[in-house]
N, C-alpha and C. Protein backbone atom coordinates (compact mmCIF):
# COMPACT_ATOMS: atom_id res chain seq x y z
N MET A 1 24.94 2.40 36.68
CA MET A 1 23.67 1.71 36.51
C MET A 1 22.53 2.75 36.67
N LYS A 2 22.60 3.55 37.71
CA LYS A 2 21.64 4.53 38.02
C LYS A 2 21.47 5.55 36.80
N LYS A 3 22.73 5.90 36.32
CA LYS A 3 22.68 6.90 35.19
C LYS A 3 22.07 6.27 33.86
N VAL A 4 22.21 5.08 33.72
CA VAL A 4 21.57 4.41 32.45
C VAL A 4 20.01 4.41 32.70
N ILE A 5 19.61 4.01 33.85
CA ILE A 5 18.24 4.05 34.18
C ILE A 5 17.62 5.38 34.00
N PHE A 6 18.27 6.45 34.56
CA PHE A 6 17.78 7.75 34.52
C PHE A 6 17.66 8.23 33.00
N ILE A 7 18.72 7.92 32.25
CA ILE A 7 18.70 8.36 30.82
C ILE A 7 17.49 7.70 30.04
N ALA A 8 17.32 6.39 30.34
CA ALA A 8 16.11 5.62 29.74
C ALA A 8 14.82 6.30 30.18
N MET A 9 14.67 6.60 31.39
CA MET A 9 13.52 7.25 31.80
C MET A 9 13.29 8.65 31.13
N LEU A 10 14.37 9.36 31.10
CA LEU A 10 14.27 10.68 30.41
C LEU A 10 13.89 10.52 29.00
N VAL A 11 14.45 9.69 28.18
CA VAL A 11 14.08 9.40 26.82
C VAL A 11 12.62 8.99 26.76
N GLY A 12 12.20 8.03 27.65
CA GLY A 12 10.84 7.64 27.63
C GLY A 12 9.83 8.76 27.86
N ALA A 13 10.19 9.61 28.90
CA ALA A 13 9.44 10.78 29.08
C ALA A 13 9.34 11.75 27.94
N MET A 14 10.54 11.92 27.21
CA MET A 14 10.50 12.77 26.05
C MET A 14 9.58 12.31 25.01
N VAL A 15 9.61 10.94 24.74
CA VAL A 15 8.79 10.49 23.71
C VAL A 15 7.32 10.61 24.14
N GLN A 16 7.00 10.34 25.40
CA GLN A 16 5.66 10.45 25.85
C GLN A 16 5.25 11.91 25.84
N GLY A 17 6.14 12.81 26.29
CA GLY A 17 5.84 14.25 26.45
C GLY A 17 5.59 15.04 25.10
N PHE A 18 6.20 14.55 23.98
CA PHE A 18 6.19 15.24 22.73
C PHE A 18 5.44 14.34 21.74
N ALA A 19 4.25 13.97 22.11
CA ALA A 19 3.43 13.26 21.26
C ALA A 19 2.03 13.88 21.01
N LYS A 20 1.46 13.50 19.97
CA LYS A 20 0.08 14.01 19.77
C LYS A 20 -0.89 12.88 19.53
N ASP A 21 -2.10 13.08 19.91
CA ASP A 21 -3.12 11.97 19.81
C ASP A 21 -3.81 12.08 18.57
N ILE A 22 -3.92 10.81 17.90
CA ILE A 22 -4.68 10.71 16.61
C ILE A 22 -5.95 9.91 16.89
N LYS A 23 -7.10 10.38 16.39
CA LYS A 23 -8.28 9.66 16.58
C LYS A 23 -8.93 9.18 15.13
N LYS A 24 -9.16 7.93 15.00
CA LYS A 24 -9.70 7.39 13.78
C LYS A 24 -10.95 6.61 14.26
N ASP A 25 -11.77 6.16 13.18
CA ASP A 25 -12.96 5.38 13.44
C ASP A 25 -12.61 4.10 14.18
N PHE A 26 -11.50 3.50 14.01
CA PHE A 26 -11.06 2.20 14.52
C PHE A 26 -10.48 2.30 15.87
N GLY A 27 -10.11 3.63 16.32
CA GLY A 27 -9.48 3.72 17.65
C GLY A 27 -8.55 4.93 17.67
N SER A 28 -7.79 5.11 18.75
CA SER A 28 -6.92 6.18 18.97
C SER A 28 -5.52 5.74 19.31
N PHE A 29 -4.51 6.59 18.99
CA PHE A 29 -3.17 6.31 19.31
C PHE A 29 -2.38 7.59 19.32
N SER A 30 -1.24 7.52 19.78
CA SER A 30 -0.26 8.63 19.85
C SER A 30 0.83 8.46 18.70
N VAL A 31 1.32 9.64 18.17
CA VAL A 31 2.57 9.67 17.36
C VAL A 31 3.42 10.77 17.81
N PRO A 32 4.69 10.59 17.74
CA PRO A 32 5.61 11.65 18.02
C PRO A 32 5.30 13.02 17.32
N ASP A 33 5.50 14.10 17.98
CA ASP A 33 5.21 15.41 17.46
C ASP A 33 5.89 15.64 16.12
N ASN A 34 7.05 15.11 15.84
CA ASN A 34 7.79 15.36 14.63
C ASN A 34 7.23 14.60 13.51
N TYR A 35 6.15 13.81 13.71
CA TYR A 35 5.49 12.98 12.61
C TYR A 35 4.34 13.68 12.07
N VAL A 36 4.06 13.62 10.81
CA VAL A 36 2.85 14.17 10.30
C VAL A 36 2.04 13.11 9.46
N GLU A 37 0.84 13.14 9.23
CA GLU A 37 0.11 12.34 8.28
C GLU A 37 0.31 12.91 6.92
N ASN A 38 0.85 12.00 5.98
CA ASN A 38 1.14 12.49 4.74
C ASN A 38 -0.25 12.57 3.92
N LYS A 39 -0.58 13.75 3.30
CA LYS A 39 -1.77 14.00 2.71
C LYS A 39 -1.96 13.17 1.39
N LYS A 40 -0.89 12.97 0.66
CA LYS A 40 -0.99 12.26 -0.66
C LYS A 40 -1.35 10.79 -0.51
N PHE A 41 -0.78 10.09 0.42
CA PHE A 41 -0.99 8.70 0.59
C PHE A 41 -1.93 8.21 1.65
N SER A 42 -2.38 9.08 2.55
CA SER A 42 -3.23 8.73 3.65
C SER A 42 -4.67 8.69 3.16
N THR A 43 -5.48 7.77 3.78
CA THR A 43 -6.89 7.82 3.67
C THR A 43 -7.52 7.86 5.08
N PRO A 44 -8.80 8.15 5.20
CA PRO A 44 -9.37 8.17 6.50
C PRO A 44 -9.16 6.81 7.14
N GLU A 45 -9.28 5.68 6.40
CA GLU A 45 -9.08 4.34 6.89
C GLU A 45 -7.75 3.85 7.21
N LYS A 46 -6.69 4.56 6.54
CA LYS A 46 -5.34 4.18 6.62
C LYS A 46 -4.42 5.34 6.62
N PRO A 47 -4.28 5.98 7.77
CA PRO A 47 -3.27 7.04 7.72
C PRO A 47 -1.83 6.58 7.65
N PHE A 48 -1.05 7.42 6.98
CA PHE A 48 0.37 7.17 6.56
C PHE A 48 1.25 8.19 7.18
N PHE A 49 2.15 7.84 8.09
CA PHE A 49 2.93 8.90 8.75
C PHE A 49 4.43 8.83 8.40
N LEU A 50 4.96 10.08 8.33
CA LEU A 50 6.38 10.23 8.04
C LEU A 50 6.97 11.45 9.03
N THR A 51 8.21 11.47 9.21
CA THR A 51 8.68 12.70 9.89
C THR A 51 8.47 13.96 9.04
N LYS A 52 8.28 14.99 9.65
CA LYS A 52 8.07 16.32 8.93
C LYS A 52 9.12 16.47 7.76
N ASP A 53 10.31 16.24 8.10
CA ASP A 53 11.37 16.53 7.14
C ASP A 53 11.32 15.56 5.92
N ASP A 54 11.04 14.26 6.35
CA ASP A 54 10.82 13.13 5.29
C ASP A 54 9.61 13.50 4.42
N ASP A 55 8.46 13.98 5.09
CA ASP A 55 7.29 14.26 4.32
C ASP A 55 7.49 15.40 3.24
N LYS A 56 8.19 16.30 3.67
CA LYS A 56 8.51 17.42 2.68
C LYS A 56 9.36 16.96 1.52
N LYS A 57 10.45 16.08 1.79
CA LYS A 57 11.25 15.51 0.73
C LYS A 57 10.53 14.60 -0.12
N PHE A 58 9.67 13.81 0.50
CA PHE A 58 8.98 12.66 -0.21
C PHE A 58 7.88 13.34 -1.15
N SER A 59 6.98 14.24 -0.59
CA SER A 59 5.90 14.98 -1.19
C SER A 59 6.45 15.80 -2.42
N SER A 60 7.59 16.35 -2.27
CA SER A 60 8.20 17.12 -3.31
C SER A 60 8.98 16.38 -4.52
N GLY A 61 9.10 15.04 -4.17
CA GLY A 61 9.80 14.25 -5.14
C GLY A 61 11.24 14.11 -4.97
N GLU A 62 11.72 14.96 -3.93
CA GLU A 62 13.16 14.96 -3.72
C GLU A 62 13.76 13.54 -3.49
N VAL A 63 12.95 12.73 -2.76
CA VAL A 63 13.41 11.35 -2.49
C VAL A 63 12.24 10.54 -2.90
N LYS A 64 12.59 9.28 -3.40
CA LYS A 64 11.55 8.30 -3.88
C LYS A 64 11.05 7.48 -2.74
N PHE A 65 11.72 7.35 -1.61
CA PHE A 65 11.38 6.56 -0.49
C PHE A 65 11.72 7.26 0.86
N ALA A 66 10.74 7.10 1.77
CA ALA A 66 10.98 7.69 3.17
C ALA A 66 10.56 6.59 4.19
N ASN A 67 11.19 6.45 5.26
CA ASN A 67 10.74 5.56 6.28
C ASN A 67 9.34 6.03 6.73
N ASN A 68 8.44 5.08 6.88
CA ASN A 68 7.08 5.35 7.10
C ASN A 68 6.33 4.41 7.91
N ILE A 69 5.11 4.69 8.42
CA ILE A 69 4.29 3.86 9.30
C ILE A 69 2.83 4.12 8.79
N SER A 70 2.15 3.13 8.67
CA SER A 70 0.66 3.07 8.28
C SER A 70 -0.10 2.43 9.43
N VAL A 71 -1.30 2.79 9.65
CA VAL A 71 -2.15 2.14 10.59
C VAL A 71 -3.46 1.89 9.99
N GLU A 72 -4.02 0.63 10.09
CA GLU A 72 -5.27 0.41 9.55
C GLU A 72 -5.86 -0.77 10.33
N GLU A 73 -7.29 -0.77 10.21
CA GLU A 73 -8.01 -1.96 10.80
C GLU A 73 -8.22 -2.89 9.54
N ARG A 74 -8.13 -4.13 9.95
CA ARG A 74 -8.42 -5.22 8.91
C ARG A 74 -9.23 -6.27 9.61
N HIS A 75 -9.92 -7.09 8.79
CA HIS A 75 -10.89 -8.02 9.33
C HIS A 75 -10.30 -9.51 9.04
N ASN A 76 -10.72 -10.42 9.89
CA ASN A 76 -10.30 -11.82 9.82
C ASN A 76 -11.39 -12.67 10.30
N ARG A 77 -11.21 -13.99 10.34
CA ARG A 77 -12.29 -14.83 10.77
C ARG A 77 -12.07 -15.36 12.20
N TYR A 78 -11.24 -14.69 13.02
CA TYR A 78 -10.88 -15.23 14.33
C TYR A 78 -11.37 -14.35 15.46
N THR A 79 -11.81 -14.97 16.59
CA THR A 79 -12.18 -14.16 17.61
C THR A 79 -11.01 -13.68 18.49
N LYS A 80 -11.14 -12.92 19.37
CA LYS A 80 -10.06 -12.49 20.18
C LYS A 80 -9.42 -13.60 21.06
N GLU A 81 -10.27 -14.44 21.43
CA GLU A 81 -9.84 -15.59 22.23
C GLU A 81 -9.05 -16.61 21.45
N ASN A 82 -9.24 -16.59 20.13
CA ASN A 82 -8.62 -17.56 19.24
C ASN A 82 -7.38 -16.86 18.47
N HIS A 83 -6.75 -15.91 19.24
CA HIS A 83 -5.67 -15.12 18.60
C HIS A 83 -4.48 -15.99 18.30
N THR A 84 -4.22 -17.16 18.95
CA THR A 84 -3.21 -18.07 18.62
C THR A 84 -3.34 -18.69 17.19
N ALA A 85 -4.54 -19.02 16.83
CA ALA A 85 -4.81 -19.49 15.45
C ALA A 85 -4.67 -18.48 14.41
N PHE A 86 -4.96 -17.29 14.79
CA PHE A 86 -4.76 -16.04 13.86
C PHE A 86 -3.27 -15.89 13.78
N LYS A 87 -2.46 -15.96 14.87
CA LYS A 87 -1.00 -15.78 14.72
C LYS A 87 -0.53 -16.93 13.77
N GLN A 88 -0.87 -18.13 14.03
CA GLN A 88 -0.37 -19.13 13.07
C GLN A 88 -0.59 -18.94 11.70
N ALA A 89 -1.93 -18.41 11.31
CA ALA A 89 -2.15 -18.08 9.93
C ALA A 89 -1.30 -17.09 9.40
N ILE A 90 -1.19 -16.04 10.18
CA ILE A 90 -0.24 -14.95 9.63
C ILE A 90 1.17 -15.41 9.60
N LEU A 91 1.67 -16.11 10.54
CA LEU A 91 3.10 -16.74 10.48
C LEU A 91 3.19 -17.60 9.33
N SER A 92 2.27 -18.42 8.94
CA SER A 92 2.41 -19.25 7.69
C SER A 92 2.46 -18.47 6.46
N GLN A 93 1.60 -17.47 6.35
CA GLN A 93 1.58 -16.62 5.18
C GLN A 93 2.87 -15.86 5.10
N LEU A 94 3.36 -15.28 6.19
CA LEU A 94 4.60 -14.52 6.10
C LEU A 94 5.77 -15.36 5.85
N THR A 95 5.89 -16.61 6.45
CA THR A 95 6.97 -17.48 6.29
C THR A 95 7.17 -17.83 4.78
N TYR A 96 5.99 -18.08 4.08
CA TYR A 96 5.92 -18.46 2.68
C TYR A 96 6.40 -17.22 1.84
N GLN A 97 5.82 -16.03 2.13
CA GLN A 97 6.09 -14.77 1.25
C GLN A 97 7.64 -14.44 1.48
N SER A 98 8.13 -14.54 2.86
CA SER A 98 9.54 -14.17 3.04
C SER A 98 10.52 -15.01 2.39
N SER A 99 10.14 -16.32 2.36
CA SER A 99 11.12 -17.30 1.82
C SER A 99 11.13 -17.15 0.18
N MET A 100 10.04 -16.93 -0.27
CA MET A 100 9.95 -16.69 -1.76
C MET A 100 10.63 -15.37 -2.18
N ALA A 101 10.57 -14.28 -1.38
CA ALA A 101 11.16 -13.10 -1.73
C ALA A 101 12.56 -12.82 -1.24
N GLY A 102 13.10 -13.79 -0.44
CA GLY A 102 14.52 -13.64 0.04
C GLY A 102 14.64 -12.77 1.30
N PHE A 103 13.64 -12.80 2.15
CA PHE A 103 13.74 -12.18 3.42
C PHE A 103 13.87 -13.12 4.52
N ASP A 104 14.45 -12.63 5.70
CA ASP A 104 14.54 -13.28 6.94
C ASP A 104 13.42 -12.84 7.74
N LEU A 105 12.73 -13.75 8.51
CA LEU A 105 11.52 -13.45 9.31
C LEU A 105 11.82 -13.77 10.69
N THR A 106 11.47 -12.86 11.59
CA THR A 106 11.55 -13.02 13.03
C THR A 106 10.15 -12.63 13.58
N GLY A 107 9.90 -13.13 14.80
CA GLY A 107 8.60 -12.63 15.38
C GLY A 107 8.69 -12.70 16.82
N ASP A 108 7.65 -12.00 17.39
CA ASP A 108 7.46 -11.99 18.90
C ASP A 108 6.00 -11.80 19.21
N GLY A 109 5.67 -12.15 20.40
CA GLY A 109 4.28 -11.87 20.84
C GLY A 109 4.38 -11.40 22.20
N TYR A 110 3.48 -10.46 22.62
CA TYR A 110 3.40 -9.98 23.93
C TYR A 110 2.14 -9.19 24.17
N LYS A 111 1.87 -8.72 25.41
CA LYS A 111 0.82 -7.83 25.64
C LYS A 111 1.26 -6.47 25.94
N ASN A 112 0.64 -5.34 25.37
CA ASN A 112 1.09 -4.06 25.65
C ASN A 112 0.55 -3.67 26.96
N LYS A 113 0.83 -2.34 27.30
CA LYS A 113 0.47 -1.90 28.68
C LYS A 113 -1.18 -1.88 28.93
N LYS A 114 -1.76 -1.76 27.78
CA LYS A 114 -3.21 -1.56 27.84
C LYS A 114 -3.87 -3.00 27.83
N GLY A 115 -3.13 -3.87 27.69
CA GLY A 115 -3.62 -5.36 27.74
C GLY A 115 -3.97 -6.03 26.39
N TYR A 116 -3.64 -5.36 25.34
CA TYR A 116 -3.89 -5.88 24.01
C TYR A 116 -2.91 -6.89 23.70
N VAL A 117 -3.20 -8.02 22.98
CA VAL A 117 -2.25 -8.96 22.49
C VAL A 117 -1.62 -8.35 21.25
N ILE A 118 -0.23 -8.43 21.10
CA ILE A 118 0.40 -7.85 20.06
C ILE A 118 1.26 -8.98 19.43
N TYR A 119 1.22 -9.11 18.10
CA TYR A 119 2.18 -10.03 17.42
C TYR A 119 2.98 -9.11 16.48
N LYS A 120 4.36 -9.23 16.58
CA LYS A 120 5.30 -8.42 15.85
C LYS A 120 6.07 -9.25 14.92
N PHE A 121 6.21 -9.01 13.73
CA PHE A 121 6.88 -9.75 12.71
C PHE A 121 7.82 -8.78 11.89
N VAL A 122 9.08 -9.17 11.90
CA VAL A 122 10.06 -8.38 11.16
C VAL A 122 10.58 -9.06 9.90
N LEU A 123 10.42 -8.53 8.71
CA LEU A 123 10.95 -9.13 7.46
C LEU A 123 12.13 -8.24 7.01
N SER A 124 13.29 -8.77 7.23
CA SER A 124 14.60 -8.10 6.87
C SER A 124 15.06 -8.80 5.63
N PRO A 125 15.61 -8.05 4.74
CA PRO A 125 16.27 -8.49 3.60
C PRO A 125 17.53 -9.36 3.92
N SER A 126 17.51 -10.49 3.39
CA SER A 126 18.70 -11.42 3.60
C SER A 126 19.97 -10.95 2.97
N GLU A 127 21.17 -11.40 3.39
CA GLU A 127 22.35 -11.04 2.97
C GLU A 127 22.45 -11.23 1.41
N ASP A 128 21.93 -12.21 0.93
CA ASP A 128 21.87 -12.53 -0.51
C ASP A 128 21.09 -11.53 -1.23
N LEU A 129 19.92 -11.14 -0.70
CA LEU A 129 19.00 -10.28 -1.31
C LEU A 129 19.67 -8.80 -1.33
N LEU A 130 20.39 -8.46 -0.22
CA LEU A 130 21.05 -7.18 -0.24
C LEU A 130 22.13 -6.98 -1.17
N LYS A 131 22.73 -8.11 -1.60
CA LYS A 131 23.79 -8.14 -2.62
C LYS A 131 23.17 -7.69 -3.93
N LYS A 132 21.96 -8.14 -4.27
CA LYS A 132 21.28 -7.96 -5.50
C LYS A 132 20.64 -6.51 -5.45
N ARG A 133 19.89 -6.23 -4.34
CA ARG A 133 19.25 -5.01 -4.11
C ARG A 133 19.52 -4.33 -2.77
N PRO A 134 20.63 -3.65 -2.84
CA PRO A 134 21.13 -3.19 -1.58
C PRO A 134 20.17 -2.11 -0.73
N LYS A 135 19.24 -1.63 -1.48
CA LYS A 135 18.37 -0.56 -0.85
C LYS A 135 16.99 -1.18 -0.36
N GLU A 136 17.01 -2.58 -0.38
CA GLU A 136 15.68 -3.25 -0.04
C GLU A 136 15.20 -2.81 1.36
N PRO A 137 14.03 -2.38 1.62
CA PRO A 137 13.65 -1.98 2.89
C PRO A 137 13.35 -3.18 3.84
N THR A 138 13.27 -2.91 5.19
CA THR A 138 12.88 -3.75 6.20
C THR A 138 11.45 -3.43 6.52
N THR A 139 10.64 -4.54 6.72
CA THR A 139 9.21 -4.22 7.03
C THR A 139 8.97 -4.84 8.41
N THR A 140 8.45 -4.07 9.33
CA THR A 140 7.96 -4.55 10.67
C THR A 140 6.36 -4.42 10.68
N GLN A 141 5.74 -5.51 11.06
CA GLN A 141 4.26 -5.57 11.03
C GLN A 141 3.86 -5.88 12.50
N TYR A 142 3.02 -4.99 13.00
CA TYR A 142 2.42 -5.21 14.39
C TYR A 142 1.04 -5.59 14.19
N TYR A 143 0.57 -6.62 14.80
CA TYR A 143 -0.82 -7.02 14.73
C TYR A 143 -1.39 -6.91 16.15
N ILE A 144 -2.31 -5.87 16.24
CA ILE A 144 -2.93 -5.65 17.52
C ILE A 144 -4.31 -6.40 17.47
N ILE A 145 -4.57 -7.30 18.43
CA ILE A 145 -5.67 -8.03 18.43
C ILE A 145 -6.76 -7.06 19.28
N ALA A 146 -7.62 -6.43 18.48
CA ALA A 146 -8.55 -5.44 19.20
C ALA A 146 -9.91 -5.85 19.45
N GLU A 147 -10.42 -6.62 18.49
CA GLU A 147 -11.85 -7.05 18.62
C GLU A 147 -12.04 -8.39 17.92
N ASP A 148 -13.17 -9.03 18.27
CA ASP A 148 -13.44 -10.30 17.42
C ASP A 148 -13.45 -9.92 16.00
N TYR A 149 -12.91 -10.83 15.26
CA TYR A 149 -12.95 -10.67 13.74
C TYR A 149 -12.26 -9.49 13.19
N SER A 150 -11.39 -8.86 13.87
CA SER A 150 -10.62 -7.75 13.29
C SER A 150 -9.31 -7.53 14.11
N PHE A 151 -8.40 -6.88 13.41
CA PHE A 151 -7.13 -6.49 14.12
C PHE A 151 -6.68 -5.19 13.49
N ILE A 152 -5.77 -4.46 14.34
CA ILE A 152 -5.20 -3.31 13.73
C ILE A 152 -3.73 -3.74 13.35
N LEU A 153 -3.52 -3.29 12.01
CA LEU A 153 -2.07 -3.49 11.53
C LEU A 153 -1.38 -2.21 11.52
N VAL A 154 -0.19 -2.21 12.30
CA VAL A 154 0.73 -1.14 12.27
C VAL A 154 1.89 -1.63 11.42
N HIS A 155 2.11 -0.94 10.24
CA HIS A 155 2.96 -1.44 9.23
C HIS A 155 4.08 -0.39 9.09
N GLU A 156 5.36 -0.72 9.57
CA GLU A 156 6.56 0.16 9.46
C GLU A 156 7.46 -0.33 8.37
N THR A 157 7.93 0.55 7.55
CA THR A 157 8.87 0.20 6.51
C THR A 157 10.08 1.24 6.64
N THR A 158 11.22 0.63 6.66
CA THR A 158 12.37 1.40 6.87
C THR A 158 13.53 1.01 5.83
N ALA A 159 14.42 2.01 5.53
CA ALA A 159 15.56 1.61 4.77
C ALA A 159 16.70 1.43 5.83
N GLY A 160 17.09 0.26 6.09
CA GLY A 160 18.08 -0.09 6.99
C GLY A 160 17.51 0.11 8.44
N SER A 161 18.55 0.46 9.35
CA SER A 161 18.25 0.67 10.79
C SER A 161 17.63 2.04 10.95
N SER A 162 16.51 2.18 11.66
CA SER A 162 15.91 3.51 12.00
C SER A 162 15.21 3.43 13.32
N PRO A 163 16.11 3.70 14.44
CA PRO A 163 15.52 3.77 15.78
C PRO A 163 14.43 4.74 15.80
N GLU A 164 14.48 5.84 15.21
CA GLU A 164 13.46 6.87 15.28
C GLU A 164 12.13 6.23 14.84
N THR A 165 12.08 5.71 13.74
CA THR A 165 10.84 5.14 13.22
C THR A 165 10.43 3.91 14.01
N ASP A 166 11.29 3.14 14.45
CA ASP A 166 11.07 2.06 15.34
C ASP A 166 10.24 2.45 16.62
N ASN A 167 10.85 3.52 17.24
CA ASN A 167 10.24 4.17 18.41
C ASN A 167 8.81 4.78 18.18
N ALA A 168 8.66 5.37 16.94
CA ALA A 168 7.36 5.86 16.65
C ALA A 168 6.37 4.75 16.39
N ALA A 169 6.69 3.73 15.82
CA ALA A 169 5.83 2.48 15.67
C ALA A 169 5.42 2.01 17.02
N GLU A 170 6.44 1.88 17.81
CA GLU A 170 6.18 1.28 19.13
C GLU A 170 5.34 2.09 19.98
N LEU A 171 5.34 3.45 19.86
CA LEU A 171 4.53 4.34 20.60
C LEU A 171 3.10 4.17 20.02
N ILE A 172 2.91 4.06 18.71
CA ILE A 172 1.65 3.80 18.18
C ILE A 172 0.96 2.54 18.90
N VAL A 173 1.74 1.42 18.77
CA VAL A 173 1.31 0.10 19.40
C VAL A 173 1.09 0.13 20.82
N ASP A 174 1.88 0.86 21.56
CA ASP A 174 1.72 1.00 23.00
C ASP A 174 0.56 1.83 23.40
N SER A 175 0.24 2.86 22.69
CA SER A 175 -0.78 3.88 23.08
C SER A 175 -2.07 3.47 22.38
N PHE A 176 -2.17 2.50 21.56
CA PHE A 176 -3.49 2.27 20.91
C PHE A 176 -4.58 1.89 21.85
N GLN A 177 -5.78 2.53 21.50
CA GLN A 177 -7.00 2.27 22.34
C GLN A 177 -8.09 2.01 21.25
N GLY A 178 -8.68 0.97 21.40
CA GLY A 178 -9.85 0.60 20.51
C GLY A 178 -10.92 1.56 20.53
N ARG A 179 -11.84 1.49 19.47
CA ARG A 179 -12.98 2.36 19.48
C ARG A 179 -13.88 2.13 20.71
N GLU A 180 -14.60 3.09 21.07
CA GLU A 180 -15.41 3.15 22.34
C GLU A 180 -16.81 2.93 21.92
């Protein structure tokens, strides 16, 4: 048991120790050192992150898809205190979209270490959909309730299972700090 805890702490320290800080108008967050902001698809309002290796392959056209994460601020009609109504609105929208497109939807809500309310929704291709389109990606959307009438969307897209991309997205969400 002690060995497992030590390994988990070591991995956590490695992720924390090998990260770089990103500052945007809507706030700041960390990304792992092996991730870069893709120049072709990023905008100042919506940075798009890939691993260095995937960025080279994707930018050169060697691959048509690469696991990726984007981060952006969006606006809504809800105050921070009314975040459960916001969650219900997003859940209704995603439930409808996922059922129409053949995806399975799961969700979770929690507070990160900095006290922000986070809603996480995972849209996974159903078994039936994968029979038709075996390369259909999985989408994970993190909604960070940052201010009244706005939220930060961390949007992760992966081909199948990608613990590396999952960990990078979670680092962004856990380290997010709203604008000052």
